[in-house]
PDB file of N, CA and C in Angstrom:
ATOM      1  N   MET A   1       0.759  -0.970   0.089  1.00  0.00           N
ATOM      2  CA  MET A   1      -0.111   0.120   0.234  1.00  0.00           C
ATOM      3  C   MET A   1       0.859   1.238  -0.267  1.00  0.00           C
ATOM      4  N   LYS A   2       0.590   2.136  -0.790  1.00  0.00           N
ATOM      5  CA  LYS A   2       1.414   3.337  -1.218  1.00  0.00           C
ATOM      6  C   LYS A   2       0.995   4.224   0.336  1.00  0.00           C
ATOM      7  N   LYS A   3       2.191   5.081   0.664  1.00  0.00           N
ATOM      8  CA  LYS A   3       1.936   6.250   1.557  1.00  0.00           C
ATOM      9  C   LYS A   3       1.363   6.997   0.988  1.00  0.00           C
ATOM     10  N   LYS A   4       0.417   7.782   1.389  1.00  0.00           N
ATOM     11  CA  LYS A   4      -0.103   9.220   0.756  1.00  0.00           C
ATOM     12  C   LYS A   4       0.430  10.622   1.446  1.00  0.00           C
ATOM     13  N   ILE A   5       0.972  11.519   0.446  1.00  0.00           N
ATOM     14  CA  ILE A   5       1.412  12.621   0.695  1.00  0.00           C
ATOM     15  C   ILE A   5       0.596  13.671   0.227  1.00  0.00           C
ATOM     16  N   LEU A   6       0.010  14.479   0.871  1.00  0.00           N
ATOM     17  CA  LEU A   6      -0.823  15.947   0.486  1.00  0.00           C
ATOM     18  C   LEU A   6       0.449  16.862   0.425  1.00  0.00           C
ATOM     19  N   VAL A   7       0.495  17.695  -0.677  1.00  0.00           N
ATOM     20  CA  VAL A   7       1.430  18.723  -0.676  1.00  0.00           C
ATOM     21  C   VAL A   7       0.312  20.091  -1.265  1.00  0.00           C
ATOM     22  N   ILE A   8       0.600  21.052  -0.068  1.00  0.00           N
ATOM     23  CA  ILE A   8      -0.151  22.171  -0.361  1.00  0.00           C
ATOM     24  C   ILE A   8       1.136  23.286  -0.569  1.00  0.00           C
ATOM     25  N   GLU A   9       1.106  23.852  -1.629  1.00  0.00           N
ATOM     26  CA  GLU A   9       2.085  24.341  -2.548  1.00  0.00           C
ATOM     27  C   GLU A   9       1.221  25.376  -3.694  1.00  0.00           C
ATOM     28  N   ASP A  10       1.565  26.647  -3.715  1.00  0.00           N
ATOM     29  CA  ASP A  10       1.155  27.563  -4.621  1.00  0.00           C
ATOM     30  C   ASP A  10       2.063  27.813  -5.659  1.00  0.00           C
ATOM     31  N   ASN A  11       3.173  27.592  -5.627  1.00  0.00           N
ATOM     32  CA  ASN A  11       4.194  27.668  -6.563  1.00  0.00           C
ATOM     33  C   ASN A  11       4.083  26.656  -7.421  1.00  0.00           C
ATOM     34  N   GLU A  12       3.775  26.730  -9.234  1.00  0.00           N
ATOM     35  CA  GLU A  12       3.544  25.370 -10.097  1.00  0.00           C
ATOM     36  C   GLU A  12       4.729  24.444 -10.073  1.00  0.00           C
ATOM     37  N   GLN A  13       5.993  25.314 -10.200  1.00  0.00           N
ATOM     38  CA  GLN A  13       6.981  24.704 -10.692  1.00  0.00           C
ATOM     39  C   GLN A  13       7.269  23.824  -9.029  1.00  0.00           C
ATOM     40  N   ASN A  14       7.464  24.394  -7.835  1.00  0.00           N
ATOM     41  CA  ASN A  14       7.749  23.835  -6.672  1.00  0.00           C
ATOM     42  C   ASN A  14       6.878  22.296  -6.690  1.00  0.00           C
ATOM     43  N   LEU A  15       5.522  22.731  -6.884  1.00  0.00           N
ATOM     44  CA  LEU A  15       4.520  21.479  -6.823  1.00  0.00           C
ATOM     45  C   LEU A  15       4.891  20.436  -7.740  1.00  0.00           C
ATOM     46  N   TYR A  16       5.409  20.948  -8.989  1.00  0.00           N
ATOM     47  CA  TYR A  16       5.300  19.773 -10.138  1.00  0.00           C
ATOM     48  C   TYR A  16       6.592  19.340  -9.733  1.00  0.00           C
ATOM     49  N   LEU A  17       7.823  19.819  -9.109  1.00  0.00           N
ATOM     50  CA  LEU A  17       9.236  18.961  -8.760  1.00  0.00           C
ATOM     51  C   LEU A  17       8.716  17.868  -7.702  1.00  0.00           C
ATOM     52  N   LEU A  18       8.154  18.328  -6.555  1.00  0.00           N
ATOM     53  CA  LEU A  18       7.743  17.775  -5.462  1.00  0.00           C
ATOM     54  C   LEU A  18       6.985  16.422  -5.789  1.00  0.00           C
ATOM     55  N   THR A  19       6.002  16.502  -6.540  1.00  0.00           N
ATOM     56  CA  THR A  19       5.198  15.620  -7.151  1.00  0.00           C
ATOM     57  C   THR A  19       5.911  14.528  -7.828  1.00  0.00           C
ATOM     58  N   PHE A  20       6.768  15.072  -8.773  1.00  0.00           N
ATOM     59  CA  PHE A  20       7.505  14.184  -9.692  1.00  0.00           C
ATOM     60  C   PHE A  20       8.503  13.018  -8.643  1.00  0.00           C
ATOM     61  N   LEU A  21       9.144  14.265  -8.221  1.00  0.00           N
ATOM     62  CA  LEU A  21      10.034  13.083  -7.185  1.00  0.00           C
ATOM     63  C   LEU A  21       9.331  12.356  -6.216  1.00  0.00           C
ATOM     64  N   LEU A  22       8.109  12.562  -5.760  1.00  0.00           N
ATOM     65  CA  LEU A  22       7.729  11.903  -4.563  1.00  0.00           C
ATOM     66  C   LEU A  22       7.079  10.527  -5.788  1.00  0.00           C
ATOM     67  N   GLN A  23       6.506  10.773  -6.646  1.00  0.00           N
ATOM     68  CA  GLN A  23       5.698   9.755  -7.266  1.00  0.00           C
ATOM     69  C   GLN A  23       6.851   8.390  -7.541  1.00  0.00           C
ATOM     70  N   LYS A  24       8.363   9.477  -7.968  1.00  0.00           N
ATOM     71  CA  LYS A  24       9.221   8.399  -8.430  1.00  0.00           C
ATOM     72  C   LYS A  24       9.525   7.470  -7.482  1.00  0.00           C
ATOM     73  N   HIS A  25       9.576   7.901  -5.930  1.00  0.00           N
ATOM     74  CA  HIS A  25       9.798   7.032  -4.939  1.00  0.00           C
ATOM     75  C   HIS A  25       8.840   6.409  -4.240  1.00  0.00           C
ATOM     76  N   GLY A  26       7.745   6.266  -5.081  1.00  0.00           N
ATOM     77  CA  GLY A  26       6.195   5.251  -4.727  1.00  0.00           C
ATOM     78  C   GLY A  26       5.384   6.056  -4.075  1.00  0.00           C
ATOM     79  N   TYR A  27       5.356   7.152  -3.709  1.00  0.00           N
ATOM     80  CA  TYR A  27       4.022   7.703  -3.030  1.00  0.00           C
ATOM     81  C   TYR A  27       3.110   8.125  -3.891  1.00  0.00           C
ATOM     82  N   GLU A  28       1.858   8.130  -3.318  1.00  0.00           N
ATOM     83  CA  GLU A  28       0.821   8.687  -3.841  1.00  0.00           C
ATOM     84  C   GLU A  28       0.658   9.797  -3.591  1.00  0.00           C
ATOM     85  N   VAL A  29       0.760  11.098  -4.551  1.00  0.00           N
ATOM     86  CA  VAL A  29       0.730  12.270  -4.117  1.00  0.00           C
ATOM     87  C   VAL A  29      -0.795  13.222  -4.382  1.00  0.00           C
ATOM     88  N   SER A  30      -1.381  13.823  -3.709  1.00  0.00           N
ATOM     89  CA  SER A  30      -2.272  14.774  -3.835  1.00  0.00           C
ATOM     90  C   SER A  30      -1.832  16.365  -3.535  1.00  0.00           C
ATOM     91  N   ALA A  31      -2.301  17.071  -4.143  1.00  0.00           N
ATOM     92  CA  ALA A  31      -2.045  18.211  -4.300  1.00  0.00           C
ATOM     93  C   ALA A  31      -3.217  19.520  -3.988  1.00  0.00           C
ATOM     94  N   ALA A  32      -2.438  20.540  -3.325  1.00  0.00           N
ATOM     95  CA  ALA A  32      -3.520  21.762  -3.099  1.00  0.00           C
ATOM     96  C   ALA A  32      -2.804  23.068  -3.401  1.00  0.00           C
ATOM     97  N   ARG A  33      -3.382  23.770  -3.548  1.00  0.00           N
ATOM     98  CA  ARG A  33      -2.829  25.399  -4.263  1.00  0.00           C
ATOM     99  C   ARG A  33      -3.255  26.305  -3.176  1.00  0.00           C
ATOM    100  N   ASP A  34      -4.027  26.411  -2.025  1.00  0.00           N
ATOM    101  CA  ASP A  34      -4.161  27.314  -1.244  1.00  0.00           C
ATOM    102  C   ASP A  34      -4.353  26.402  -0.072  1.00  0.00           C
ATOM    103  N   GLY A  35      -4.445  27.338   1.134  1.00  0.00           N
ATOM    104  CA  GLY A  35      -4.606  26.820   2.417  1.00  0.00           C
ATOM    105  C   GLY A  35      -6.168  26.438   2.520  1.00  0.00           C
ATOM    106  N   LYS A  36      -7.193  27.186   2.002  1.00  0.00           N
ATOM    107  CA  LYS A  36      -8.281  26.517   2.151  1.00  0.00           C
ATOM    108  C   LYS A  36      -8.569  25.099   1.596  1.00  0.00           C
ATOM    109  N   GLU A  37      -8.269  25.058   0.295  1.00  0.00           N
ATOM    110  CA  GLU A  37      -8.321  23.506  -0.514  1.00  0.00           C
ATOM    111  C   GLU A  37      -7.333  22.742   0.560  1.00  0.00           C
ATOM    112  N   GLY A  38      -6.352  23.147   0.821  1.00  0.00           N
ATOM    113  CA  GLY A  38      -5.365  22.090   1.444  1.00  0.00           C
ATOM    114  C   GLY A  38      -6.036  21.413   2.838  1.00  0.00           C
ATOM    115  N   ILE A  39      -6.874  22.327   3.696  1.00  0.00           N
ATOM    116  CA  ILE A  39      -7.626  21.634   4.711  1.00  0.00           C
ATOM    117  C   ILE A  39      -8.662  20.650   3.818  1.00  0.00           C
ATOM    118  N   GLU A  40      -9.409  20.995   2.984  1.00  0.00           N
ATOM    119  CA  GLU A  40     -10.452  20.366   2.509  1.00  0.00           C
ATOM    120  C   GLU A  40      -9.837  19.034   2.084  1.00  0.00           C
ATOM    121  N   MET A  41      -8.624  18.993   1.207  1.00  0.00           N
ATOM    122  CA  MET A  41      -8.116  17.851   0.851  1.00  0.00           C
ATOM    123  C   MET A  41      -7.608  17.222   1.870  1.00  0.00           C
ATOM    124  N   ALA A  42      -6.905  17.552   2.875  1.00  0.00           N
ATOM    125  CA  ALA A  42      -6.633  16.583   4.040  1.00  0.00           C
ATOM    126  C   ALA A  42      -7.843  15.765   4.466  1.00  0.00           C
ATOM    127  N   GLU A  43      -9.028  16.310   4.592  1.00  0.00           N
ATOM    128  CA  GLU A  43     -10.026  15.987   5.128  1.00  0.00           C
ATOM    129  C   GLU A  43     -10.477  14.467   4.230  1.00  0.00           C
ATOM    130  N   GLN A  44     -10.436  14.849   2.718  1.00  0.00           N
ATOM    131  CA  GLN A  44     -10.745  13.828   2.018  1.00  0.00           C
ATOM    132  C   GLN A  44     -10.152  12.756   1.666  1.00  0.00           C
ATOM    133  N   VAL A  45      -8.854  13.080   1.711  1.00  0.00           N
ATOM    134  CA  VAL A  45      -7.764  12.109   1.319  1.00  0.00           C
ATOM    135  C   VAL A  45      -7.157  11.432   2.620  1.00  0.00           C
ATOM    136  N   LYS A  46      -6.889  12.283   3.806  1.00  0.00           N
ATOM    137  CA  LYS A  46      -6.038  11.381   4.808  1.00  0.00           C
ATOM    138  C   LYS A  46      -4.933  10.813   4.707  1.00  0.00           C
ATOM    139  N   PRO A  47      -4.163  11.912   4.495  1.00  0.00           N
ATOM    140  CA  PRO A  47      -2.964  11.498   4.252  1.00  0.00           C
ATOM    141  C   PRO A  47      -2.014  11.160   5.244  1.00  0.00           C
ATOM    142  N   ASP A  48      -0.983  10.527   4.931  1.00  0.00           N
ATOM    143  CA  ASP A  48       0.017  10.013   5.960  1.00  0.00           C
ATOM    144  C   ASP A  48       0.975  10.950   6.301  1.00  0.00           C
ATOM    145  N   MET A  49       1.193  11.946   5.607  1.00  0.00           N
ATOM    146  CA  MET A  49       2.205  13.103   5.444  1.00  0.00           C
ATOM    147  C   MET A  49       1.515  14.686   4.745  1.00  0.00           C
ATOM    148  N   ILE A  50       2.071  15.512   5.344  1.00  0.00           N
ATOM    149  CA  ILE A  50       1.775  16.781   4.730  1.00  0.00           C
ATOM    150  C   ILE A  50       2.913  17.561   4.372  1.00  0.00           C
ATOM    151  N   LEU A  51       3.097  18.164   3.342  1.00  0.00           N
ATOM    152  CA  LEU A  51       4.126  18.825   2.995  1.00  0.00           C
ATOM    153  C   LEU A  51       3.456  20.199   2.750  1.00  0.00           C
ATOM    154  N   LEU A  52       3.573  21.645   3.501  1.00  0.00           N
ATOM    155  CA  LEU A  52       2.998  22.483   3.838  1.00  0.00           C
ATOM    156  C   LEU A  52       3.974  23.783   3.592  1.00  0.00           C
ATOM    157  N   ASP A  53       3.241  24.528   2.576  1.00  0.00           N
ATOM    158  CA  ASP A  53       4.227  25.845   2.227  1.00  0.00           C
ATOM    159  C   ASP A  53       3.450  26.671   3.354  1.00  0.00           C
ATOM    160  N   ILE A  54       4.584  27.939   3.558  1.00  0.00           N
ATOM    161  CA  ILE A  54       3.937  28.721   4.595  1.00  0.00           C
ATOM    162  C   ILE A  54       3.257  29.892   3.605  1.00  0.00           C
ATOM    163  N   GLN A  55       3.726  30.538   2.738  1.00  0.00           N
ATOM    164  CA  GLN A  55       3.454  31.489   2.358  1.00  0.00           C
ATOM    165  C   GLN A  55       2.200  30.941   1.107  1.00  0.00           C
ATOM    166  N   LEU A  56       0.872  30.994   1.747  1.00  0.00           N
ATOM    167  CA  LEU A  56      -0.088  30.501   0.669  1.00  0.00           C
ATOM    168  C   LEU A  56      -1.094  31.696   0.362  1.00  0.00           C
ATOM    169  N   PRO A  57      -1.611  31.473  -0.696  1.00  0.00           N
ATOM    170  CA  PRO A  57      -3.129  32.399  -0.842  1.00  0.00           C
ATOM    171  C   PRO A  57      -4.279  31.824   0.016  1.00  0.00           C
ATOM    172  N   VAL A  58      -5.181  32.647   0.216  1.00  0.00           N
ATOM    173  CA  VAL A  58      -6.480  32.543   0.782  1.00  0.00           C
ATOM    174  C   VAL A  58      -6.231  32.296   2.581  1.00  0.00           C
ATOM    175  N   MET A  59      -5.596  31.074   2.978  1.00  0.00           N
ATOM    176  CA  MET A  59      -5.393  30.804   4.372  1.00  0.00           C
ATOM    177  C   MET A  59      -3.266  30.722   4.391  1.00  0.00           C
ATOM    178  N   ASP A  60      -2.831  31.400   5.389  1.00  0.00           N
ATOM    179  CA  ASP A  60      -1.305  30.950   5.163  1.00  0.00           C
ATOM    180  C   ASP A  60      -1.019  29.389   5.932  1.00  0.00           C
ATOM    181  N   GLY A  61      -0.137  29.237   5.628  1.00  0.00           N
ATOM    182  CA  GLY A  61       0.428  27.526   6.103  1.00  0.00           C
ATOM    183  C   GLY A  61       0.532  27.757   7.965  1.00  0.00           C
ATOM    184  N   TYR A  62       0.882  28.798   8.629  1.00  0.00           N
ATOM    185  CA  TYR A  62       0.577  28.454   9.824  1.00  0.00           C
ATOM    186  C   TYR A  62      -0.654  28.424  10.434  1.00  0.00           C
ATOM    187  N   THR A  63      -1.726  29.486   9.506  1.00  0.00           N
ATOM    188  CA  THR A  63      -2.969  28.719   9.953  1.00  0.00           C
ATOM    189  C   THR A  63      -3.731  27.526   9.880  1.00  0.00           C
ATOM    190  N   VAL A  64      -2.942  27.078   8.564  1.00  0.00           N
ATOM    191  CA  VAL A  64      -3.474  25.750   8.347  1.00  0.00           C
ATOM    192  C   VAL A  64      -2.948  24.497   9.235  1.00  0.00           C
ATOM    193  N   ALA A  65      -1.589  24.683   9.415  1.00  0.00           N
ATOM    194  CA  ALA A  65      -0.908  23.888  10.566  1.00  0.00           C
ATOM    195  C   ALA A  65      -1.834  23.723  11.781  1.00  0.00           C
ATOM    196  N   ARG A  66      -2.162  25.027  12.344  1.00  0.00           N
ATOM    197  CA  ARG A  66      -3.244  25.088  13.812  1.00  0.00           C
ATOM    198  C   ARG A  66      -4.058  24.449  13.511  1.00  0.00           C
ATOM    199  N   LYS A  67      -5.044  24.783  12.061  1.00  0.00           N
ATOM    200  CA  LYS A  67      -6.047  23.982  12.290  1.00  0.00           C
ATOM    201  C   LYS A  67      -6.194  22.815  12.212  1.00  0.00           C
ATOM    202  N   LEU A  68      -5.303  22.033  11.137  1.00  0.00           N
ATOM    203  CA  LEU A  68      -5.211  21.021  11.244  1.00  0.00           C
ATOM    204  C   LEU A  68      -4.779  19.893  12.663  1.00  0.00           C
ATOM    205  N   ARG A  69      -4.004  20.826  13.336  1.00  0.00           N
ATOM    206  CA  ARG A  69      -3.560  20.230  14.664  1.00  0.00           C
ATOM    207  C   ARG A  69      -4.740  20.182  15.521  1.00  0.00           C
ATOM    208  N   LYS A  70      -5.663  20.802  15.551  1.00  0.00           N
ATOM    209  CA  LYS A  70      -6.628  20.963  16.637  1.00  0.00           C
ATOM    210  C   LYS A  70      -7.657  19.670  16.380  1.00  0.00           C
ATOM    211  N   SER A  71      -7.408  18.873  14.927  1.00  0.00           N
ATOM    212  CA  SER A  71      -8.384  17.840  14.889  1.00  0.00           C
ATOM    213  C   SER A  71      -7.601  16.446  15.149  1.00  0.00           C
ATOM    214  N   GLN A  72      -8.488  15.639  16.093  1.00  0.00           N
ATOM    215  CA  GLN A  72      -7.806  14.404  16.185  1.00  0.00           C
ATOM    216  C   GLN A  72      -7.559  13.834  15.041  1.00  0.00           C
ATOM    217  N   ASP A  73      -8.495  13.704  13.907  1.00  0.00           N
ATOM    218  CA  ASP A  73      -8.351  13.049  12.558  1.00  0.00           C
ATOM    219  C   ASP A  73      -6.558  13.430  12.194  1.00  0.00           C
ATOM    220  N   PHE A  74      -5.897  14.361  12.795  1.00  0.00           N
ATOM    221  CA  PHE A  74      -4.870  14.500  11.914  1.00  0.00           C
ATOM    222  C   PHE A  74      -3.473  14.613  13.195  1.00  0.00           C
ATOM    223  N   ALA A  75      -3.851  14.330  14.417  1.00  0.00           N
ATOM    224  CA  ALA A  75      -2.876  14.350  15.301  1.00  0.00           C
ATOM    225  C   ALA A  75      -1.739  13.560  14.910  1.00  0.00           C
ATOM    226  N   LYS A  76      -1.891  12.485  14.297  1.00  0.00           N
ATOM    227  CA  LYS A  76      -0.476  11.586  14.202  1.00  0.00           C
ATOM    228  C   LYS A  76       0.351  11.763  12.985  1.00  0.00           C
ATOM    229  N   ILE A  77      -0.437  12.994  12.110  1.00  0.00           N
ATOM    230  CA  ILE A  77       0.077  13.366  10.678  1.00  0.00           C
ATOM    231  C   ILE A  77       1.316  14.022  10.912  1.00  0.00           C
ATOM    232  N   GLN A  78       2.349  13.529  10.193  1.00  0.00           N
ATOM    233  CA  GLN A  78       3.747  14.145  10.313  1.00  0.00           C
ATOM    234  C   GLN A  78       3.714  15.602   9.550  1.00  0.00           C
TER     235      GLN A  78
END
């Protein structure tokens, strides 16, 4: 079973590179391009790990991290 990683990144080049590298190493990658979408994707995908940019549109990475940490569903996510 592939590990699932959610990448929350608004820069297309960074997102492409991360997705390419992670998929090449056998991970299942989902992507979100802003903080709000990132939280919604995390709830849908239930990833094993989240790679989170700090400077995001709509909701910054610090706010996203705080919101996710408050939820028991994401307490064990790295």
